[in-house]
N, C-alpha and C. Protein backbone atom coordinates (compact mmCIF):
# COMPACT_ATOMS: atom_id res chain seq x y z
N UNK A 1 -44.68 3.37 -49.44
CA UNK A 1 -43.77 4.26 -50.09
C UNK A 1 -43.87 5.67 -49.49
N UNK A 2 -45.09 6.17 -49.24
CA UNK A 2 -45.29 7.49 -48.65
C UNK A 2 -45.76 7.34 -47.21
N UNK A 3 -45.35 8.26 -46.34
CA UNK A 3 -45.78 8.19 -44.95
C UNK A 3 -47.12 8.90 -44.76
N UNK A 4 -47.57 9.02 -43.51
CA UNK A 4 -48.88 9.61 -43.22
C UNK A 4 -48.99 11.08 -43.61
N UNK A 5 -47.86 11.76 -43.81
CA UNK A 5 -47.86 13.16 -44.24
C UNK A 5 -47.80 13.31 -45.75
N UNK A 6 -47.78 12.20 -46.47
CA UNK A 6 -47.71 12.24 -47.93
C UNK A 6 -46.31 12.45 -48.46
N UNK A 7 -45.31 12.18 -47.63
CA UNK A 7 -43.91 12.37 -48.03
C UNK A 7 -43.18 11.04 -48.10
N UNK A 8 -42.18 11.00 -48.95
CA UNK A 8 -41.28 9.85 -48.95
C UNK A 8 -40.41 9.99 -47.70
N UNK A 9 -40.23 8.92 -46.94
CA UNK A 9 -39.44 9.00 -45.71
C UNK A 9 -38.02 9.50 -45.97
N UNK A 10 -37.61 10.52 -45.21
CA UNK A 10 -36.26 11.06 -45.29
C UNK A 10 -36.00 11.86 -44.01
N UNK A 11 -34.75 12.01 -43.64
CA UNK A 11 -34.44 12.77 -42.43
C UNK A 11 -34.63 14.27 -42.66
N UNK A 12 -34.82 14.99 -41.58
CA UNK A 12 -34.90 16.44 -41.67
C UNK A 12 -36.29 16.97 -41.34
N UNK A 13 -36.47 18.23 -41.63
CA UNK A 13 -37.70 18.94 -41.32
C UNK A 13 -38.83 18.49 -42.25
N UNK A 14 -40.04 18.42 -41.72
CA UNK A 14 -41.20 18.09 -42.55
C UNK A 14 -41.55 19.32 -43.38
N UNK A 15 -41.59 19.18 -44.70
CA UNK A 15 -41.86 20.33 -45.57
C UNK A 15 -43.31 20.80 -45.46
N UNK A 16 -43.56 22.06 -45.87
CA UNK A 16 -44.90 22.63 -45.83
C UNK A 16 -45.82 21.95 -46.85
N UNK A 17 -45.28 21.62 -48.01
CA UNK A 17 -46.03 20.88 -49.03
C UNK A 17 -45.56 19.44 -48.99
N UNK A 18 -46.50 18.52 -49.04
CA UNK A 18 -46.10 17.11 -49.10
C UNK A 18 -45.60 16.78 -50.50
N UNK A 19 -44.86 15.70 -50.60
CA UNK A 19 -44.38 15.25 -51.91
C UNK A 19 -45.56 15.00 -52.85
N UNK A 20 -46.63 14.42 -52.31
CA UNK A 20 -47.80 14.13 -53.14
C UNK A 20 -48.47 15.41 -53.64
N UNK A 21 -48.49 16.46 -52.81
CA UNK A 21 -49.06 17.73 -53.25
C UNK A 21 -48.22 18.35 -54.36
N UNK A 22 -46.91 18.28 -54.23
CA UNK A 22 -46.02 18.83 -55.26
C UNK A 22 -46.20 18.07 -56.57
N UNK A 23 -46.28 16.75 -56.48
CA UNK A 23 -46.49 15.94 -57.69
C UNK A 23 -47.83 16.29 -58.33
N UNK A 24 -48.87 16.40 -57.52
CA UNK A 24 -50.19 16.75 -58.03
C UNK A 24 -50.23 18.12 -58.68
N UNK A 25 -49.63 19.11 -58.03
CA UNK A 25 -49.59 20.46 -58.60
C UNK A 25 -48.79 20.49 -59.89
N UNK A 26 -47.72 19.73 -59.95
CA UNK A 26 -46.92 19.66 -61.16
C UNK A 26 -47.72 19.06 -62.31
N UNK A 27 -48.47 18.00 -62.02
CA UNK A 27 -49.29 17.37 -63.06
C UNK A 27 -50.38 18.32 -63.55
N UNK A 28 -51.01 19.04 -62.63
CA UNK A 28 -52.05 19.99 -63.01
C UNK A 28 -51.46 21.12 -63.85
N UNK A 29 -50.33 21.66 -63.42
CA UNK A 29 -49.73 22.78 -64.16
C UNK A 29 -49.33 22.35 -65.57
N UNK A 30 -48.80 21.15 -65.71
CA UNK A 30 -48.43 20.65 -67.04
C UNK A 30 -49.67 20.45 -67.91
N UNK A 31 -50.74 19.95 -67.31
CA UNK A 31 -51.94 19.65 -68.11
C UNK A 31 -52.65 20.90 -68.59
N UNK A 32 -52.53 22.02 -67.86
CA UNK A 32 -53.18 23.25 -68.30
C UNK A 32 -52.20 24.23 -68.93
N UNK A 33 -50.97 23.78 -69.13
CA UNK A 33 -50.00 24.57 -69.89
C UNK A 33 -49.26 25.65 -69.12
N UNK A 34 -49.16 25.51 -67.81
CA UNK A 34 -48.40 26.49 -67.02
C UNK A 34 -46.94 26.09 -67.06
N UNK A 35 -46.11 26.96 -67.61
CA UNK A 35 -44.68 26.64 -67.67
C UNK A 35 -43.83 27.64 -66.90
N UNK A 36 -44.46 28.60 -66.26
CA UNK A 36 -43.73 29.61 -65.50
C UNK A 36 -43.84 29.31 -64.01
N UNK A 37 -42.72 29.18 -63.35
CA UNK A 37 -42.74 28.91 -61.91
C UNK A 37 -43.32 30.09 -61.14
N UNK A 38 -43.13 31.31 -61.63
CA UNK A 38 -43.68 32.47 -60.93
C UNK A 38 -45.21 32.44 -60.95
N UNK A 39 -45.79 32.02 -62.08
CA UNK A 39 -47.24 31.89 -62.15
C UNK A 39 -47.70 30.70 -61.31
N UNK A 40 -46.93 29.63 -61.32
CA UNK A 40 -47.26 28.43 -60.56
C UNK A 40 -47.35 28.73 -59.07
N UNK A 41 -46.50 29.62 -58.57
CA UNK A 41 -46.52 29.99 -57.15
C UNK A 41 -47.84 30.65 -56.79
N UNK A 42 -48.44 31.39 -57.72
CA UNK A 42 -49.72 32.05 -57.46
C UNK A 42 -50.84 31.04 -57.20
N UNK A 43 -50.67 29.81 -57.66
CA UNK A 43 -51.70 28.80 -57.46
C UNK A 43 -51.81 28.35 -56.01
N UNK A 44 -50.87 28.74 -55.16
CA UNK A 44 -50.92 28.34 -53.76
C UNK A 44 -52.20 28.82 -53.09
N UNK A 45 -52.76 29.94 -53.56
CA UNK A 45 -53.99 30.43 -52.95
C UNK A 45 -55.17 29.49 -53.20
N UNK A 46 -55.04 28.58 -54.18
CA UNK A 46 -56.08 27.61 -54.47
C UNK A 46 -55.79 26.25 -53.84
N UNK A 47 -54.80 26.18 -52.97
CA UNK A 47 -54.36 24.91 -52.40
C UNK A 47 -55.49 24.13 -51.73
N UNK A 48 -56.36 24.83 -51.00
CA UNK A 48 -57.43 24.14 -50.27
C UNK A 48 -58.48 23.57 -51.21
N UNK A 49 -58.57 24.10 -52.43
CA UNK A 49 -59.56 23.61 -53.38
C UNK A 49 -59.09 22.38 -54.14
N UNK A 50 -57.80 22.06 -54.07
CA UNK A 50 -57.26 20.91 -54.78
C UNK A 50 -57.31 19.67 -53.90
N UNK A 51 -57.72 18.54 -54.46
CA UNK A 51 -57.76 17.32 -53.65
C UNK A 51 -56.36 16.85 -53.29
N UNK A 52 -56.24 16.23 -52.12
CA UNK A 52 -54.94 15.70 -51.70
C UNK A 52 -54.99 14.21 -51.59
């Protein structure tokens, strides 16, 4: 279902965040009660600390 980059196969440019990373970040944000996308963007600085 997902390719070696963690994305669902589709034409076009390879995104900076894989689909799996976006799904994981969404699940984490929901579980800790983050509902603001502006605050969610700040979590990018912790990207390397999150498992992929």
